[in-house]
Protein backbone atom coordinates (compact mmCIF):
# COMPACT_ATOMS: atom_id res chain seq x y z
CA UNK A 1 -5.16 -119.92 28.11
CA UNK A 2 -4.21 -123.23 29.19
CA UNK A 3 -1.58 -123.43 32.01
CA UNK A 4 1.43 -125.38 31.40
CA UNK A 5 1.43 -128.58 33.83
CA UNK A 6 4.38 -128.32 36.10
CA UNK A 7 4.73 -124.79 37.07
CA UNK A 8 1.02 -124.76 37.66
CA UNK A 9 0.93 -127.65 39.96
CA UNK A 10 4.01 -126.43 42.22
CA UNK A 11 2.24 -123.13 42.24
CA UNK A 12 -1.07 -124.64 43.22
CA UNK A 13 0.36 -126.80 45.88
CA UNK A 14 2.48 -123.92 47.36
CA UNK A 15 -0.60 -121.60 47.15
CA UNK A 16 -2.72 -124.64 48.85
CA UNK A 17 -0.20 -125.19 51.54
CA UNK A 18 0.16 -121.21 52.46
CA UNK A 19 -3.68 -121.23 52.73
CA UNK A 20 -3.92 -124.03 55.12
CA UNK A 21 -1.28 -122.56 57.28
CA UNK A 22 -3.33 -119.15 57.21
CA UNK A 23 -6.44 -120.94 57.86
CA UNK A 24 -4.93 -122.53 61.02
CA UNK A 25 -4.50 -118.93 62.27
CA UNK A 26 -8.19 -118.03 62.00
CA UNK A 27 -10.64 -118.49 64.77
CA UNK A 28 -11.83 -117.30 68.19
CA UNK A 29 -8.37 -118.59 69.51
CA UNK A 30 -6.43 -116.57 66.84
CA UNK A 31 -2.59 -116.70 66.55
CA UNK A 32 0.17 -115.04 64.48
CA UNK A 33 2.83 -116.97 62.38
CA UNK A 34 5.18 -117.04 65.27
CA UNK A 35 2.67 -118.74 67.87
CA UNK A 36 1.48 -121.10 65.33
CA UNK A 37 4.97 -122.42 64.18
CA UNK A 38 5.74 -122.49 68.02
CA UNK A 39 2.71 -124.62 68.72
CA UNK A 40 3.59 -126.85 65.66
CA UNK A 41 7.13 -127.45 67.26
CA UNK A 42 5.43 -128.20 70.58
CA UNK A 43 3.32 -130.75 69.13
CA UNK A 44 6.20 -132.49 67.79
CA UNK A 45 8.82 -131.95 70.62
CA UNK A 46 6.26 -131.58 73.48
CA UNK A 47 8.10 -128.55 74.80
CA UNK A 48 6.33 -125.16 74.53
CA UNK A 49 4.83 -122.24 76.68
CA UNK A 50 1.37 -122.08 75.21
CA UNK A 51 -0.24 -125.37 75.92
CA UNK A 52 -3.99 -124.18 75.20
CA UNK A 53 -3.01 -123.01 71.69
CA UNK A 54 -1.27 -126.16 71.07
CA UNK A 55 -4.62 -128.01 72.18
CA UNK A 56 -6.56 -125.97 70.13
CA UNK A 57 -4.37 -126.72 67.05
CA UNK A 58 -4.01 -130.26 67.39
CA UNK A 59 -7.69 -131.13 68.40
CA UNK A 60 -9.52 -128.49 66.44
CA UNK A 61 -7.99 -126.34 63.84
CA UNK A 62 -5.69 -129.39 62.34
CA UNK A 63 -8.49 -131.82 61.85
CA UNK A 64 -10.68 -129.09 60.37
CA UNK A 65 -8.18 -127.89 57.87
CA UNK A 66 -7.42 -131.28 56.79
CA UNK A 67 -11.06 -132.17 56.38
CA UNK A 68 -11.65 -129.08 54.36
CA UNK A 69 -8.67 -130.17 52.14
CA UNK A 70 -9.96 -133.40 51.71
CA UNK A 71 -13.63 -132.99 51.51
CA UNK A 72 -13.08 -130.00 49.00
CA UNK A 73 -10.86 -132.16 46.76
CA UNK A 74 -13.34 -135.06 47.08
CA UNK A 75 -16.40 -133.19 45.99
CA UNK A 76 -14.42 -131.40 43.14
CA UNK A 77 -13.07 -134.63 41.98
CA UNK A 78 -16.46 -136.36 41.84
CA UNK A 79 -18.17 -133.46 40.13
CA UNK A 80 -15.30 -133.63 37.40
CA UNK A 81 -15.77 -137.29 36.75
CA UNK A 82 -19.57 -137.11 36.75
CA UNK A 83 -19.47 -134.21 34.14
CA UNK A 84 -17.07 -136.25 31.90
CA UNK A 85 -18.70 -139.52 32.46
CA UNK A 86 -22.11 -137.88 31.38
CA UNK A 87 -20.71 -135.44 28.63
CA UNK A 88 -23.11 -132.89 30.65
CA UNK A 89 -21.58 -129.64 32.11
CA UNK A 90 -24.75 -129.45 34.20
CA UNK A 91 -24.23 -132.79 36.29
CA UNK A 92 -22.94 -132.84 39.77
CA UNK A 93 -22.96 -134.79 42.81
CA UNK A 94 -26.13 -132.46 43.97
CA UNK A 95 -27.97 -132.75 40.64
CA UNK A 96 -27.68 -136.58 40.43
CA UNK A 97 -29.02 -136.88 43.93
CA UNK A 98 -25.75 -138.35 45.36
CA UNK A 99 -25.51 -135.89 47.93
CA UNK A 100 -29.25 -136.10 49.13
CA UNK A 101 -29.18 -139.93 48.92
CA UNK A 102 -26.26 -140.18 50.84
CA UNK A 103 -27.70 -137.53 53.38
CA UNK A 104 -30.81 -139.99 53.54
CA UNK A 105 -28.58 -142.94 54.53
CA UNK A 106 -26.65 -141.12 57.10
CA UNK A 107 -29.69 -139.40 58.41
CA UNK A 108 -31.30 -142.84 58.93
CA UNK A 109 -27.91 -143.97 60.51
CA UNK A 110 -28.06 -140.89 63.05
CA UNK A 111 -31.77 -141.63 63.47
CA UNK A 112 -30.92 -144.98 64.29
CA UNK A 113 -27.74 -144.23 66.41
CA UNK A 114 -25.58 -146.33 64.44
CA UNK A 115 -21.97 -146.35 64.82
CA UNK A 116 -19.74 -143.96 62.57
CA UNK A 117 -18.81 -146.97 59.97
CA UNK A 118 -22.26 -147.99 59.63
CA UNK A 119 -23.41 -144.40 58.98
CA UNK A 120 -20.84 -144.08 56.23
CA UNK A 121 -22.07 -147.19 54.80
CA UNK A 122 -25.54 -146.18 54.60
CA UNK A 123 -24.60 -143.07 52.98
CA UNK A 124 -22.90 -144.89 50.46
CA UNK A 125 -25.57 -146.98 49.64
CA UNK A 126 -27.73 -144.01 49.62
CA UNK A 127 -25.83 -142.25 47.31
CA UNK A 128 -25.36 -145.20 44.94
CA UNK A 129 -29.15 -146.03 44.98
CA UNK A 130 -29.85 -142.27 43.97
CA UNK A 131 -27.36 -142.30 41.23
CA UNK A 132 -28.66 -145.46 39.94
CA UNK A 133 -32.25 -144.13 39.95
CA UNK A 134 -31.38 -141.08 38.06
CA UNK A 135 -29.37 -142.33 35.44
CA UNK A 136 -31.84 -145.37 34.97
CA UNK A 137 -34.68 -143.03 34.42
CA UNK A 138 -32.53 -141.10 31.83
CA UNK A 139 -31.41 -144.27 29.89
CA UNK A 140 -35.12 -145.64 29.85
CA UNK A 141 -36.23 -142.24 28.31
CA UNK A 142 -34.57 -142.15 24.88
CA UNK A 143 -36.57 -140.10 22.67
CA UNK A 144 -36.27 -136.53 24.60
CA UNK A 145 -33.29 -134.68 25.34
CA UNK A 146 -30.91 -136.39 27.34
CA UNK A 147 -29.50 -133.45 29.14
CA UNK A 148 -33.09 -132.41 30.00
CA UNK A 149 -34.09 -136.04 31.25
CA UNK A 150 -30.99 -136.14 33.48
CA UNK A 151 -31.92 -132.86 34.94
CA UNK A 152 -35.56 -133.36 35.26
CA UNK A 153 -34.88 -137.12 36.77
CA UNK A 154 -32.42 -135.44 39.18
CA UNK A 155 -35.14 -133.24 40.34
CA UNK A 156 -37.51 -135.71 40.85
CA UNK A 157 -35.27 -138.25 42.76
CA UNK A 158 -34.28 -135.60 44.89
CA UNK A 159 -37.70 -134.71 45.85
CA UNK A 160 -38.69 -137.85 46.64
CA UNK A 161 -35.53 -138.55 48.75
CA UNK A 162 -35.96 -135.10 50.35
CA UNK A 163 -39.37 -136.45 51.47
CA UNK A 164 -37.68 -139.25 53.18
CA UNK A 165 -35.55 -137.22 55.11
CA UNK A 166 -38.65 -135.02 55.93
CA UNK A 167 -40.26 -138.04 57.42
CA UNK A 168 -37.03 -139.04 59.63
CA UNK A 169 -36.59 -135.65 60.82
CA UNK A 170 -40.48 -135.38 62.05
CA UNK A 171 -39.92 -138.89 63.65
CA UNK A 172 -36.61 -137.73 65.16
CA UNK A 173 -36.16 -136.62 69.05
CA UNK A 174 -36.88 -133.03 68.82
CA UNK A 175 -34.54 -132.15 71.63
CA UNK A 176 -31.53 -134.40 70.60
CA UNK A 177 -31.76 -135.78 67.16
CA UNK A 178 -33.48 -133.21 65.30
CA UNK A 179 -31.21 -130.18 65.94
CA UNK A 180 -28.14 -132.25 65.20
CA UNK A 181 -29.74 -133.70 61.84
CA UNK A 182 -30.80 -130.12 60.86
CA UNK A 183 -27.34 -128.60 61.37
CA UNK A 184 -25.80 -131.55 59.88
CA UNK A 185 -27.79 -130.92 56.54
CA UNK A 186 -26.66 -127.50 56.04
CA UNK A 187 -23.12 -128.71 56.05
CA UNK A 188 -20.62 -128.14 58.99
CA UNK A 189 -17.05 -128.99 60.03
CA UNK A 190 -17.69 -127.78 63.52
CA UNK A 191 -17.70 -131.16 64.99
CA UNK A 192 -15.26 -132.92 62.83
CA UNK A 193 -12.40 -134.63 64.70
CA UNK A 194 -9.20 -136.53 63.93
CA UNK A 195 -11.05 -139.44 64.35
CA UNK A 196 -13.60 -138.72 61.57
CA UNK A 197 -10.89 -137.64 59.18
CA UNK A 198 -8.96 -140.99 59.48
CA UNK A 199 -12.28 -143.08 59.50
CA UNK A 200 -13.03 -141.89 55.97
CA UNK A 201 -9.51 -141.92 54.50
CA UNK A 202 -9.95 -145.79 53.52
CA UNK A 203 -13.24 -145.00 51.53
CA UNK A 204 -11.74 -142.10 49.93
CA UNK A 205 -8.52 -143.91 48.91
CA UNK A 206 -10.54 -146.83 47.37
CA UNK A 207 -12.56 -144.33 45.49
CA UNK A 208 -9.84 -142.23 44.04
CA UNK A 209 -7.97 -145.43 42.56
CA UNK A 210 -10.45 -145.95 39.95
CA UNK A 211 -10.97 -142.05 39.05
CA UNK A 212 -6.78 -141.94 38.96
CA UNK A 213 -6.14 -145.28 37.32
CA UNK A 214 -8.97 -144.79 34.50
CA UNK A 215 -8.24 -141.15 33.84
CA UNK A 216 -6.85 -141.61 30.45
CA UNK A 217 -10.44 -143.77 29.55
CA UNK A 218 -12.29 -140.79 30.83
CA UNK A 219 -10.64 -138.82 27.97
CA UNK A 220 -12.13 -141.73 25.47
CA UNK A 221 -15.29 -141.56 27.39
CA UNK A 222 -16.04 -137.95 26.52
CA UNK A 223 -15.88 -139.02 23.12
CA UNK A 224 -19.12 -140.63 23.10
CA UNK A 225 -20.35 -144.34 23.62
CA UNK A 226 -19.81 -145.46 20.05
CA UNK A 227 -16.53 -144.06 19.73
CA UNK A 228 -15.10 -145.32 23.06
CA UNK A 229 -16.41 -148.89 22.12
CA UNK A 230 -14.45 -148.46 18.63
CA UNK A 231 -11.48 -147.91 20.47
CA UNK A 232 -11.56 -150.96 22.54
CA UNK A 233 -13.20 -149.46 25.76
CA UNK A 234 -15.86 -151.57 27.74
CA UNK A 235 -18.02 -148.86 28.53
CA UNK A 236 -20.50 -150.28 30.58
CA UNK A 237 -17.56 -151.68 33.27
CA UNK A 238 -15.74 -148.45 33.00
CA UNK A 239 -18.95 -146.42 33.73
CA UNK A 240 -19.82 -148.53 36.61
CA UNK A 241 -16.45 -148.58 38.21
CA UNK A 242 -16.25 -144.50 37.86
CA UNK A 243 -19.60 -143.98 39.08
CA UNK A 244 -19.14 -146.44 42.30
CA UNK A 245 -15.47 -144.30 42.79
CA UNK A 246 -17.15 -140.98 42.79
CA UNK A 247 -20.06 -141.89 44.44
CA UNK A 248 -17.85 -143.48 47.37
CA UNK A 249 -15.89 -140.35 47.69
CA UNK A 250 -19.08 -138.04 47.61
CA UNK A 251 -20.88 -140.51 50.21
CA UNK A 252 -17.66 -140.50 52.66
CA UNK A 253 -17.61 -136.81 52.84
CA UNK A 254 -20.93 -136.30 53.14
CA UNK A 255 -21.16 -138.64 56.21
CA UNK A 256 -18.79 -136.55 58.23
CA UNK A 257 -19.67 -132.95 57.14
CA UNK A 258 -23.23 -132.76 55.66
CA UNK A 259 -24.34 -131.62 52.35
CA UNK A 260 -22.00 -129.03 51.02
CA UNK A 261 -23.14 -128.07 47.62
CA UNK A 262 -21.85 -126.73 44.56
CA UNK A 263 -18.55 -127.53 44.79
CA UNK A 264 -19.01 -130.42 42.24
CA UNK A 265 -20.75 -128.19 39.92
CA UNK A 266 -18.56 -125.01 39.94
CA UNK A 267 -15.13 -125.84 40.67
CA UNK A 268 -14.73 -128.35 37.70
CA UNK A 269 -15.79 -125.60 35.21
CA UNK A 270 -13.19 -123.24 36.60
CA UNK A 271 -10.46 -125.95 36.52
CA UNK A 272 -11.72 -126.83 32.93
CA UNK A 273 -11.10 -123.17 32.18
CA UNK A 274 -7.69 -123.35 33.58
CA UNK A 275 -6.27 -126.48 32.27
CA UNK A 276 -8.47 -127.77 29.31
CA UNK A 277 -10.98 -130.78 29.21
CA UNK A 278 -8.08 -133.38 29.38
CA UNK A 279 -9.24 -135.33 32.57
CA UNK A 280 -5.50 -136.09 33.43
CA UNK A 281 -4.79 -132.55 34.14
CA UNK A 282 -8.65 -131.54 34.89
CA UNK A 283 -8.72 -134.15 37.91
CA UNK A 284 -5.62 -132.69 39.76
CA UNK A 285 -6.60 -129.26 38.92
CA UNK A 286 -10.04 -129.60 40.00
CA UNK A 287 -9.06 -131.21 43.39
CA UNK A 288 -6.54 -128.30 44.04
CA UNK A 289 -9.28 -125.83 43.46
CA UNK A 290 -11.88 -127.73 45.61
CA UNK A 291 -9.74 -127.94 48.68
CA UNK A 292 -8.63 -124.44 48.35
CA UNK A 293 -12.23 -123.10 47.97
CA UNK A 294 -13.39 -124.96 50.91
CA UNK A 295 -10.46 -123.78 53.13
CA UNK A 296 -11.63 -119.99 52.10
CA UNK A 297 -15.41 -120.83 52.66
CA UNK A 298 -14.62 -122.68 56.08
CA UNK A 299 -12.52 -119.47 56.97
CA UNK A 300 -15.48 -117.41 56.27
CA UNK A 301 -17.91 -119.49 58.10
CA UNK A 302 -15.87 -119.17 61.20
CA UNK A 303 -15.16 -115.28 60.94
CA UNK A 304 -17.71 -113.26 59.49
CA UNK A 305 -20.25 -113.61 62.38
CA UNK A 306 -20.30 -113.90 66.19
CA UNK A 307 -21.79 -117.48 65.41
CA UNK A 308 -20.36 -120.42 62.77
CA UNK A 309 -22.47 -119.92 59.70
CA UNK A 310 -23.22 -123.37 58.20
CA UNK A 311 -21.10 -124.34 55.09
CA UNK A 312 -23.98 -125.02 52.69
CA UNK A 313 -25.37 -121.48 52.93
CA UNK A 314 -21.85 -120.00 52.18
CA UNK A 315 -21.17 -122.20 49.28
CA UNK A 316 -24.51 -121.43 47.79
CA UNK A 317 -24.18 -117.81 48.31
CA UNK A 318 -21.05 -117.96 46.59
CA UNK A 319 -21.35 -120.68 44.15
CA UNK A 320 -24.73 -119.94 42.73
CA UNK A 321 -24.05 -116.18 41.60
CA UNK A 322 -20.66 -117.59 39.93
CA UNK A 323 -22.36 -120.10 38.01
CA UNK A 324 -25.05 -117.63 36.73
CA UNK A 325 -22.32 -115.72 35.48
CA UNK A 326 -20.53 -118.54 33.88
CA UNK A 327 -23.72 -119.23 32.01
CA UNK A 328 -24.84 -115.77 31.13
CA UNK A 329 -21.39 -114.83 29.76
CA UNK A 330 -21.04 -117.91 27.82
CA UNK A 331 -17.73 -118.82 29.02
CA UNK A 332 -16.25 -122.01 27.26
CA UNK A 333 -14.06 -124.82 28.30
CA UNK A 334 -16.25 -127.84 28.18
CA UNK A 335 -15.12 -128.89 25.14
């Protein structure tokens, strides 16, 4: 059953806000609602009795919660865009090699000790090259099943890019760069700072613009190439702009958190079951669900063990069985 738009949006935003507030209480330096609001008031007024909690909230928790919301929303939006654009429910930033390609660019940037902005640019270029390679192979092989071709091309390109990442790991400093690269490839928001969050906002803003403005064209694109052209859509330009936007938001998130898989694949399916395939409703629904999902996963990462568990491990542990359940139970929602 598809939910009506306005009540569902209000309910979703309210739930996301509550979840974000709850997430700020979780951690080694825990707090209840009272100390949390007192600390937040202290951040605004500068007056309070627990400066340590205010420091933890301002320098650690708040950037982390904002990053979880932004990254989860961005990855889910990119996944919904790719799936609609390629008319393929199996497509995601991971399968198309965007995440791995962005990782190669970012890992190379870390290896070369480049500044943050240069690392983000390298991640974007790596992700864009990867998706162009995968889609290019898919377009060249016309006589085979397009879905299977895209999946196999994605696997092959990922393997090739993975080899490049392995080479950089071998060449990296084993005491300084290699541990940082390895932990970063598993996905984590441990080291995310306010500067990191602010630094990716311009890229996210630029990437989201075409996804939002062209959301009605996405509905036409899902009808197929010939039907879209018949209705007056320049499919080539639309495809290029949307791929560039989705790749940019993916690469920007990868540049500060590393690879966090499964969100771009699983969350759009759940959103499609809730609100239907109309991209005008699917996009905000997927973004809210992606943000909430990553908030929950990040809370688990901080609290289920004495050490922090990398996010990529948790998203795979939760996402893979859920996707298999969707596949086996034959849940519909793509069309």
